[in-house]
Structure formats: C-alpha cells, structure tokens
Protein backbone atom coordinates (compact mmCIF):
# COMPACT_ATOMS: atom_id res chain seq x y z
CA MET A 1 30.30 73.06 73.48
CA ALA A 2 28.75 72.85 70.00
CA ASP A 3 26.38 75.54 68.63
CA TYR A 4 23.02 74.57 66.95
CA THR A 5 22.86 75.13 63.18
CA GLN A 6 19.42 74.85 61.40
CA ILE A 7 19.28 72.00 58.88
CA ASN A 8 16.04 72.72 56.88
CA ASP A 9 14.55 75.94 55.55
CA TYR A 10 10.86 75.48 56.36
CA SER A 11 9.76 78.97 55.32
CA ALA A 12 10.64 78.17 51.70
CA LYS A 13 7.72 75.66 51.58
CA ASP A 14 5.26 78.54 52.05
CA ALA A 15 5.86 79.71 48.46
CA LEU A 16 4.98 76.28 46.94
CA ALA A 17 1.51 75.70 45.35
CA THR A 18 -1.14 73.93 47.28
CA GLY A 19 -1.01 70.27 46.62
CA ASP A 20 2.70 70.27 45.88
CA PRO A 21 4.07 67.25 47.71
CA LEU A 22 7.18 69.25 48.73
CA LYS A 23 4.94 71.65 50.61
CA LEU A 24 4.50 68.92 53.23
CA ILE A 25 6.79 68.67 56.30
CA LYS A 26 7.67 65.08 56.99
CA GLY A 27 8.53 63.51 60.33
CA SER A 28 12.01 62.70 59.09
CA ASP A 29 12.56 66.41 58.51
CA ILE A 30 11.44 67.20 62.05
CA ASP A 31 13.46 64.35 63.60
CA ALA A 32 16.71 65.48 62.02
CA GLU A 33 16.12 69.06 63.14
CA LEU A 34 15.20 68.06 66.69
CA SER A 35 18.24 65.74 66.86
CA ALA A 36 20.53 68.65 65.99
CA VAL A 37 18.86 70.88 68.61
CA SER A 38 19.14 68.11 71.19
CA THR A 39 22.82 67.54 70.39
CA ALA A 40 23.64 71.23 70.66
CA GLY A 41 21.62 71.69 73.84
CA ALA A 42 23.26 68.74 75.52
CA SER A 43 26.69 70.31 74.99
CA LYS A 44 25.72 73.66 76.66
CA TYR A 45 26.10 74.56 80.42
CA ASP A 46 22.91 74.65 82.46
CA SER A 47 22.01 77.46 84.90
CA THR A 48 22.91 75.05 87.66
CA ASP A 49 26.47 74.83 86.35
CA ILE A 50 27.50 78.15 88.13
CA ALA A 51 30.56 77.89 90.41
CA THR A 52 30.06 78.43 94.12
CA ALA A 53 32.11 81.08 95.94
CA GLY A 54 34.34 78.35 97.36
CA GLU A 55 34.84 76.83 93.89
CA ALA A 56 35.66 80.27 92.46
CA GLN A 57 38.30 80.97 95.16
CA ALA A 58 39.72 77.45 94.99
CA GLY A 59 40.04 77.71 91.21
CA THR A 60 40.34 73.93 90.78
CA SER A 61 37.08 72.94 88.96
CA ASN A 62 36.91 72.98 85.16
CA THR A 63 33.25 71.84 84.82
CA VAL A 64 31.41 74.93 86.11
CA LEU A 65 31.04 78.55 85.01
CA ILE A 66 32.22 81.65 86.94
CA THR A 67 30.01 84.73 87.02
CA PRO A 68 31.11 88.36 87.67
CA ALA A 69 29.99 87.99 91.25
CA ARG A 70 31.95 84.78 91.58
CA LEU A 71 34.93 86.50 89.92
CA THR A 72 34.73 89.22 92.57
CA ALA A 73 34.63 86.54 95.26
CA TRP A 74 37.68 84.94 93.68
CA GLY A 75 39.52 88.29 93.68
CA GLN A 76 38.66 88.77 97.36
CA GLY A 77 40.35 85.51 98.29
CA GLN A 78 43.76 85.57 99.99
CA ALA A 79 42.91 88.79 101.90
CA GLY A 80 41.74 90.48 98.68
CA ILE A 81 45.22 90.76 97.19
CA ILE A 82 44.02 90.15 93.60
CA GLU A 83 41.23 92.67 94.05
CA ASP A 84 43.77 95.17 95.46
CA LEU A 85 46.01 94.67 92.44
CA GLN A 86 43.10 95.29 90.07
CA ALA A 87 42.29 98.51 91.93
CA LEU A 88 45.83 99.93 91.69
CA ALA A 89 46.31 102.84 89.30
CA ASP A 90 49.26 103.08 86.94
CA PRO A 91 51.96 105.04 88.90
CA ASN A 92 53.69 106.11 85.66
CA ALA A 93 57.05 105.47 87.40
CA ASP A 94 59.23 102.59 88.50
CA ARG A 95 57.77 101.16 91.70
CA ILE A 96 58.02 98.01 93.83
CA LEU A 97 54.77 96.09 94.58
CA PHE A 98 54.43 94.97 98.22
CA TRP A 99 51.90 93.98 100.87
CA ASP A 100 51.19 96.62 103.54
CA ASP A 101 50.16 94.47 106.51
CA SER A 102 49.21 97.42 108.72
CA ALA A 103 46.74 98.61 106.05
CA GLY A 104 45.78 95.09 104.97
CA THR A 105 46.24 95.90 101.30
CA THR A 106 48.58 95.67 98.35
CA THR A 107 50.25 98.92 97.29
CA PHE A 108 53.35 100.37 95.66
CA LEU A 109 56.60 100.94 97.55
CA THR A 110 58.18 104.33 96.86
CA VAL A 111 62.00 104.30 96.46
CA GLY A 112 63.40 106.59 99.16
CA THR A 113 66.70 108.42 99.70
CA GLY A 114 69.75 106.22 99.34
CA PHE A 115 68.16 103.89 96.76
CA THR A 116 67.82 104.00 92.99
CA LEU A 117 65.50 101.82 90.87
CA THR A 118 66.64 101.46 87.29
CA ASP A 119 64.73 99.08 85.02
CA THR A 120 64.73 95.86 87.06
CA THR A 121 67.66 96.77 89.37
CA LEU A 122 67.41 98.24 92.87
CA ASP A 123 70.69 99.88 93.94
CA LEU A 124 71.86 101.14 97.32
CA ASP A 125 73.75 104.47 97.30
CA GLU A 126 76.17 104.14 100.22
CA THR A 127 77.32 107.77 99.95
CA SER A 128 73.91 109.01 101.07
CA PHE A 129 74.29 107.51 104.54
CA THR A 130 75.14 109.89 107.35
CA ARG A 131 75.49 107.23 110.01
CA THR A 132 78.95 106.61 111.41
CA VAL A 133 80.58 103.92 113.50
CA THR A 134 82.60 105.35 116.38
CA ALA A 135 85.42 103.37 117.98
CA GLY A 136 84.69 103.12 121.69
CA ASN A 137 86.97 102.69 124.67
CA GLY A 138 89.96 100.52 123.78
CA LEU A 139 89.27 100.57 120.04
CA SER A 140 90.46 102.60 117.07
CA GLY A 141 89.06 103.00 113.58
CA GLY A 142 85.46 103.59 112.57
CA GLY A 143 84.03 106.07 110.10
CA ALA A 144 81.01 106.76 107.91
CA LEU A 145 78.91 103.90 106.53
CA SER A 146 79.67 105.01 102.98
CA SER A 147 82.70 102.68 102.88
CA ASP A 148 84.15 99.60 104.56
CA ILE A 149 84.97 100.11 108.23
CA SER A 150 87.73 98.54 110.29
CA LEU A 151 87.90 98.46 114.06
CA ALA A 152 90.99 97.35 115.96
CA ILE A 153 91.93 96.90 119.59
CA ASP A 154 94.03 99.91 120.62
CA PHE A 155 95.32 100.01 124.17
CA ASN A 156 96.45 103.61 123.63
CA GLU A 157 92.76 104.56 123.56
CA LEU A 158 92.27 103.26 127.11
CA THR A 159 92.43 105.55 130.11
CA THR A 160 95.66 105.01 132.02
CA ALA A 161 95.17 103.71 135.57
CA THR A 162 97.78 104.42 138.22
CA SER A 163 97.00 101.33 140.30
CA ILE A 164 95.23 97.98 140.06
CA ALA A 165 93.18 96.28 142.76
CA THR A 166 92.55 92.59 143.39
CA GLY A 167 88.97 92.91 142.16
CA ASP A 168 89.91 94.66 138.89
CA LEU A 169 89.54 92.65 135.70
CA VAL A 170 92.09 91.63 133.06
CA THR A 171 91.04 90.53 129.56
CA PHE A 172 92.60 87.47 127.94
CA LEU A 173 92.01 84.93 125.17
CA ASP A 174 90.83 81.58 126.54
CA LEU A 175 92.42 79.13 124.11
CA THR A 176 90.37 76.22 125.49
CA GLY A 177 87.21 77.93 124.33
CA THR A 178 88.87 80.24 121.77
CA VAL A 179 86.85 83.14 123.16
CA SER A 180 87.77 86.42 124.84
CA SER A 181 87.36 86.18 128.60
CA LYS A 182 88.04 88.20 131.72
CA ILE A 183 89.61 87.32 135.06
CA THR A 184 90.12 89.23 138.29
CA PHE A 185 93.59 90.63 138.81
CA ALA A 186 93.91 88.61 142.04
CA ASN A 187 93.31 85.33 140.17
CA PHE A 188 95.51 86.45 137.30
CA GLU A 189 98.36 87.31 139.67
CA ALA A 190 97.94 84.02 141.55
CA ALA A 191 98.26 82.10 138.27
CA LEU A 192 101.61 83.69 137.46
CA SER A 193 104.91 82.15 138.41
CA ALA A 194 108.41 82.23 137.05
CA ALA A 195 107.97 78.64 135.92
CA ASN A 196 104.81 79.08 133.88
CA ILE A 197 106.04 82.38 132.44
CA GLN A 198 108.97 80.45 131.02
CA GLY A 199 106.73 77.59 129.95
CA GLY A 200 107.99 75.36 132.76
CA ALA A 201 111.65 75.80 131.83
CA ASP A 202 114.47 75.28 134.32
CA LEU A 203 115.36 78.86 135.29
CA THR A 204 118.93 77.85 136.01
CA THR A 205 119.33 77.31 132.28
CA VAL A 206 117.83 80.68 131.32
CA VAL A 207 120.86 82.92 130.92
CA LEU A 208 120.88 86.64 131.73
CA THR A 209 123.88 88.18 129.98
CA ALA A 210 125.38 91.57 130.77
CA GLY A 211 125.84 93.10 127.31
CA GLU A 212 128.14 95.76 125.97
CA GLY A 213 129.05 98.35 128.56
CA LEU A 214 127.36 96.44 131.41
CA SER A 215 128.50 94.14 134.23
CA TYR A 216 127.02 92.39 137.29
CA SER A 217 127.44 93.84 140.74
CA VAL A 218 124.91 91.56 142.48
CA GLY A 219 123.66 88.09 141.54
CA GLY A 220 124.61 85.66 138.85
CA SER A 221 123.89 84.97 135.22
CA ASP A 222 120.67 82.92 135.60
CA LEU A 223 117.17 83.77 136.85
CA THR A 224 117.25 81.82 140.11
CA ALA A 225 118.12 84.96 142.10
CA SER A 226 117.84 88.70 141.79
CA ALA A 227 120.64 90.41 139.91
CA THR A 228 121.91 93.96 139.55
CA ILE A 229 123.44 95.08 136.27
CA ASP A 230 125.56 98.25 136.26
CA MET A 231 127.00 100.40 133.53
CA ASP A 232 130.67 99.55 133.09
CA ILE A 233 132.64 101.82 130.75
CA ASP A 234 135.65 99.53 130.98
CA GLU A 235 133.56 96.89 129.17
CA LEU A 236 133.33 99.13 126.10
CA THR A 237 135.71 98.86 123.15
CA VAL A 238 138.01 101.86 122.78
CA GLU A 239 137.34 103.82 119.55
CA THR A 240 140.15 105.88 118.07
CA THR A 241 138.29 107.36 115.09
CA VAL A 242 135.22 109.46 115.84
CA ASP A 243 132.66 110.68 113.29
CA GLY A 244 131.27 113.85 114.84
CA GLU A 245 128.14 113.79 112.69
CA LEU A 246 127.18 110.10 112.84
CA ASP A 247 128.56 109.00 116.22
CA HIS A 248 126.51 109.72 119.37
CA VAL A 249 126.91 109.85 123.12
CA ALA A 250 124.20 109.10 125.68
CA PHE A 251 123.07 111.75 128.17
CA TYR A 252 120.21 112.59 130.54
CA ASP A 253 117.97 115.41 129.30
CA ASP A 254 116.85 117.14 132.49
CA SER A 255 114.21 119.28 130.77
CA ALA A 256 112.60 116.18 129.25
CA MET A 257 113.44 114.02 132.31
CA ALA A 258 114.50 111.24 129.95
CA HIS A 259 117.64 109.69 128.50
CA ARG A 260 118.58 110.89 125.04
CA LYS A 261 121.45 110.67 122.58
CA VAL A 262 123.28 113.56 120.88
CA PRO A 263 125.74 113.68 117.95
CA ILE A 264 129.29 114.26 119.12
CA GLU A 265 129.61 117.32 116.91
CA SER A 266 126.78 118.98 118.88
CA LEU A 267 129.03 118.80 121.96
CA ILE A 268 132.45 119.67 120.54
CA GLY A 269 131.50 120.99 117.12
CA THR A 270 132.61 119.69 113.76
CA ALA A 271 136.29 119.58 112.85
CA LEU A 272 137.93 123.02 112.61
CA GLY A 273 139.66 124.13 109.43
CA GLU A 274 142.32 126.52 108.13
CA GLY A 275 143.55 127.89 104.82
CA ARG A 276 146.07 130.18 103.04
CA TRP A 277 145.58 132.25 99.88
CA TYR A 278 147.78 134.72 97.92
CA ARG A 279 148.07 136.87 94.82
CA ASN A 280 149.63 135.08 91.86
CA ALA A 281 149.68 138.34 89.85
CA VAL A 282 149.95 142.01 90.73
CA GLN A 283 146.77 143.89 91.73
CA ALA A 284 146.52 147.58 90.93
CA LEU A 285 145.65 150.10 93.66
CA GLY A 286 144.15 153.45 92.71
CA ALA A 287 145.62 156.60 94.23
CA ALA A 288 144.29 157.16 97.76
CA THR A 289 141.57 154.57 97.14
CA GLU A 290 140.92 151.67 99.52
CA ALA A 291 140.29 148.35 97.70
CA THR A 292 139.49 144.76 98.62
CA VAL A 293 142.47 142.50 98.07
CA VAL A 294 141.47 139.58 95.88
CA PHE A 295 143.65 136.64 96.89
CA ASN A 296 143.17 134.68 93.67
CA ALA A 297 145.35 131.63 94.31
CA THR A 298 144.93 128.87 96.92
CA GLY A 299 147.77 127.49 98.97
CA VAL A 300 145.67 125.38 101.38
CA ASP A 301 141.90 125.20 101.85
CA ASN A 302 140.65 122.98 104.68
CA LEU A 303 137.85 125.25 105.88
CA THR A 304 134.80 123.71 107.58
CA ARG A 305 132.99 126.69 109.11
CA GLY A 306 132.80 128.82 105.97
CA THR A 307 134.05 129.30 102.42
CA PHE A 308 136.68 131.54 100.80
CA SER A 309 136.23 132.88 97.25
CA THR A 310 139.32 133.41 95.07
CA SER A 311 137.22 135.50 92.68
CA THR A 312 136.15 138.05 95.33
CA GLY A 313 138.69 137.57 98.15
CA ILE A 314 135.82 137.21 100.64
CA TYR A 315 135.37 134.64 103.43
CA THR A 316 131.66 133.85 104.15
CA ALA A 317 130.59 132.14 107.40
CA GLY A 318 128.37 129.04 107.16
CA SER A 319 124.95 128.48 108.76
CA GLY A 320 126.47 127.98 112.23
CA GLY A 321 128.61 131.12 112.10
CA ALA A 322 132.38 131.11 112.72
CA THR A 323 135.10 132.59 114.87
CA ILE A 324 138.32 132.93 112.84
CA PHE A 325 141.89 134.17 113.38
CA VAL A 326 143.01 136.17 110.33
CA THR A 327 146.55 137.25 109.40
CA ALA A 328 146.88 139.45 106.27
CA GLY A 329 149.91 140.99 104.61
CA ILE A 330 150.49 143.20 101.56
CA SER A 331 153.56 144.40 99.67
CA VAL A 332 153.22 147.66 97.72
CA ALA A 333 155.73 147.87 94.84
CA ALA A 334 157.87 151.03 94.34
CA GLN A 335 156.12 153.41 96.73
CA GLY A 336 156.91 157.05 96.18
CA LEU A 337 158.62 159.25 98.72
CA GLY A 338 156.12 160.14 101.44
CA ASP A 339 153.58 157.49 100.40
CA ASP A 340 151.49 156.00 103.16
CA SER A 341 150.01 152.51 102.84
CA TYR A 342 148.01 150.22 105.11
CA VAL A 343 146.24 146.86 105.24
CA GLN A 344 143.14 146.25 107.39
CA ILE A 345 140.64 143.47 108.15
CA GLN A 346 136.89 144.12 107.87
CA GLN A 347 133.95 142.25 109.35
CA ASN A 348 130.84 142.58 107.18
CA GLY A 349 132.11 145.93 105.79
CA THR A 350 133.37 147.37 109.12
CA ASP A 351 137.02 147.76 110.16
CA VAL A 352 137.68 145.49 113.15
CA GLY A 353 140.21 148.05 114.50
CA THR A 354 143.36 146.22 113.41
CA ARG A 355 145.53 147.91 110.80
CA GLY A 356 149.09 147.55 109.54
CA ASN A 357 150.72 150.78 108.22
CA ALA A 358 153.86 151.59 106.23
CA THR A 359 155.29 155.02 105.28
CA VAL A 360 158.19 155.81 102.92
CA PHE A 361 160.33 158.41 104.66
CA ALA A 362 162.91 160.76 103.13
CA GLY A 363 166.23 159.08 102.67
CA TYR A 364 164.70 155.80 101.60
CA GLY A 365 163.57 157.02 98.21
CA ALA A 366 161.12 155.04 96.18
CA SER A 367 161.01 151.50 97.57
CA THR A 368 158.79 148.49 98.18
CA GLN A 369 157.03 148.53 101.56
CA ALA A 370 155.29 145.63 103.35
CA SER A 371 152.68 145.78 106.10
CA SER A 372 150.60 143.20 107.95
CA CYS A 373 147.90 142.83 110.59
CA SER A 374 145.97 140.11 112.38
CA ALA A 375 142.64 139.86 114.21
CA VAL A 376 140.08 137.48 115.72
CA VAL A 377 136.79 137.97 113.87
CA ASN A 378 133.40 136.68 115.09
CA LEU A 379 130.99 136.12 112.19
CA SER A 380 127.32 135.20 112.32
CA SER A 381 125.74 133.00 109.67
CA GLY A 382 126.32 134.51 106.21
CA GLN A 383 128.54 137.39 107.42
CA GLU A 384 131.72 138.19 105.49
CA MET A 385 135.37 138.94 106.19
CA ARG A 386 137.61 140.72 103.67
CA VAL A 387 141.08 142.35 103.58
CA ARG A 388 141.36 145.98 102.40
CA ALA A 389 144.53 147.76 101.11
CA TYR A 390 145.39 151.46 100.59
CA ASN A 391 148.27 153.54 99.18
CA THR A 392 148.61 157.31 98.70
CA SER A 393 149.60 157.03 95.06
CA ALA A 394 148.52 154.54 92.42
CA LYS A 395 150.70 151.47 92.81
CA ASN A 396 150.58 147.67 92.46
CA LEU A 397 150.33 144.98 95.11
CA GLU A 398 153.14 142.53 94.50
CA ALA A 399 152.39 138.86 93.74
CA GLY A 400 153.70 135.89 95.69
CA GLN A 401 152.88 133.75 98.72
CA GLY A 402 155.28 135.71 100.94
CA LYS A 403 154.20 139.15 99.76
CA THR A 404 150.42 139.62 99.34
CA CYS A 405 148.70 136.81 101.22
CA VAL A 406 146.17 135.90 103.92
CA SER A 407 145.78 132.98 106.33
CA ILE A 408 142.62 131.94 108.18
CA VAL A 409 142.37 129.61 111.18
CA GLU A 410 138.86 128.62 112.32
CA LEU A 411 138.65 128.76 116.11
CA ARG A 412 134.99 127.87 116.55
C-alpha cells in the first residue's frame, strides 16, 4: 500500500504579485495531484476490508484487516487456548505448560516430589518412591521401586499341603500354546504312565542298578516289576587304611530323626601317641628345695593329644584334653649320708599322690640314689603335667636316658 505524497506547493503562489502568470493554477497541475491521490487511495484498505470473526479464527485470508476485537476472537478460538496463554503471568521458575481439561484452560504444571526440572530436562528421582513390590504366594524377590526388581517362582514360599484331592489343581507349561496352564490333579494323574514318563521307552531296557553297598532282594534289574534294594555290606570294598579325620561312617541320628555321617575320629578318637624325654646334662637341685625337672632332650615324640616342651619340662593337653600314663625317674648324684630324695608327678601344680622316695642310710656312705614313680593323669584342655624332684642337700640330677627321664603314653 503506497502513501500519498503532495506534488505541488500551491500556497507558494499566494506570495506572487497579481497578474503574475505563475500565480495561476493550471488544470495540468490539478490533474497530476489528483492522479497521485487516486493512486495512493486505490492502494489503501477500505472500511469494508475488515476480517470477519470466522476469517480471524481461520487465519487463512491475506486480503483483509484484523481489528482488536477480531484479534480477541482469534485468541478465543480452539477453546481459548491462545487467550489463556496471553493471560498467564510469568512464574519466575521452570514450569511445564499443559491443558487442564477439568478447568477448560491452559496453565502451568508444577513439578512435584520425585521429579526435577533442569533447563529443558525433566528427570525422575527413583529414590523418592516409597512403593514396594511384594512377592506373593509362590514367588520370591520384590523390593522398593527405587531400583530394578526381580520376581521368581519359589515353591519354598508355598504352604505345604499334606494331601491332594482329585479336584485340586496342578500348574504346568502348555508347550502347544507356550502358556502357563492348570489341570486338575485327577486329569494330571490319569495322564501319567510309566511309558510316557520315560518318553515311550521300552521299560525292559531301562536298567535299575544296585550300586555300591546295595543288592536286590526282590525283583530284577529293569522297571517292568517292583524291586527291593537292600544294604549289603559284603558288596563294599574292604579298606585297610583309615583316615580318622576325613573318612566317615553313616549313622541314624535319633534326636534329629534323620540319617547323618560322622568322622571316624569322632567315634574312636584320633590316633594316640607316646614319647620319651631325658636330661642330656646334669640339673642342679637346691638344698631341700623341690624343682621341676626339665627333660631337655627328646628320645621319641609321637604325641597327638598334647605337646611336651624341652625348655620347661611341661606336658600341655590339647583342646580335647588328654588322659596319659606317666613314668618318671631321677638319679641324684653323690647323696650325703642321711639324705632323703623323691620324685613326684603333678597335675596342674598339684601332686597326684604318686611319689618315689630314696634315703641314704648309714653304712652306705655317700652314693648315687635312683627313684621312680608312675601315674595315670587326666588333663582338661590346656592343663599341664610336670615332674618334680627333691633332695635334702644341694645335689645334681644325673644326665642320661636311663637315669633322669620321663615317658608318656596317651590313653585317651
């Protein structure tokens, strides 16, 4: 649309003198001016060129004008959504625009608990969920919805029934339809037979073998008839070497009412041991002072129930305790006339009541005297056995396996 621009300045002619030929306005001047006005006017919209309400809402015409009222009508089209948008105030926060059908208007959606809206991304916070999935009857698994959940069939979760009736149902996978199905127990039982259990095999060719330690007493080796299989110890291979810790025997546990196995050593105990120790050098005895004999040299050490220390002369029972037979002997060198000496066995610091004594009587003079004793000692776990020696005057215990020595035999 072109605007009108004035061509001639007619007011300038008013200042010219009367009679001046330029003071006159000619028809050509008027024609040119009117032509410009006509051209400009023809390019402008008329008052009749106002869009109707339908044209404003359709928004397809480009040859008519739209007024504020028509603009309002356009905004009210499509249930007034555009008008609703124009009426919304700036929320000054991240929001989602949506249509509220119950209110019939456009509004902002507030982000609730469990969601975050960052820039253009809407995130779901799984940890905010408090809902859980619980595994029902026959299933296991489940958990909170904050993570992946697995459910599995678990027959241990089912209630145990003591009987089944013909109308009870059994679940199975129907391979023809590849779906889980159910069937009454009566129909399930009727569908079973020895042939279809074996896939139609000839039961005379299906071998039932009596394995190690078993034999038949009734029936044969195939499935065409009932058979009885008995325990048969004669079928077992004879073993001459037994490992008490690793080898087991079968037994019936009456308290548990079930068959169990037990290591052989729990029945007969581990192998018993024995040992011999002696002095390989003299040991001094103070006058009238009882002292522990330290047997500092080993002759044999095959103990299994406890340990013997050659640095202390003490036997210590293991965790299972021990019953031991102890024989101890001492030889006191060059006892004086009238000297008394003895050897005794102690259990955890207490004399077990067994003592060997020797006295040098007049007529013998100073001489070497030997004494010995033996005892059965019962020791609990960690208890100790030691040999104690005494002499009236300060003397030495002689060295040697046949002079100052001890032997231990483990009985239990």
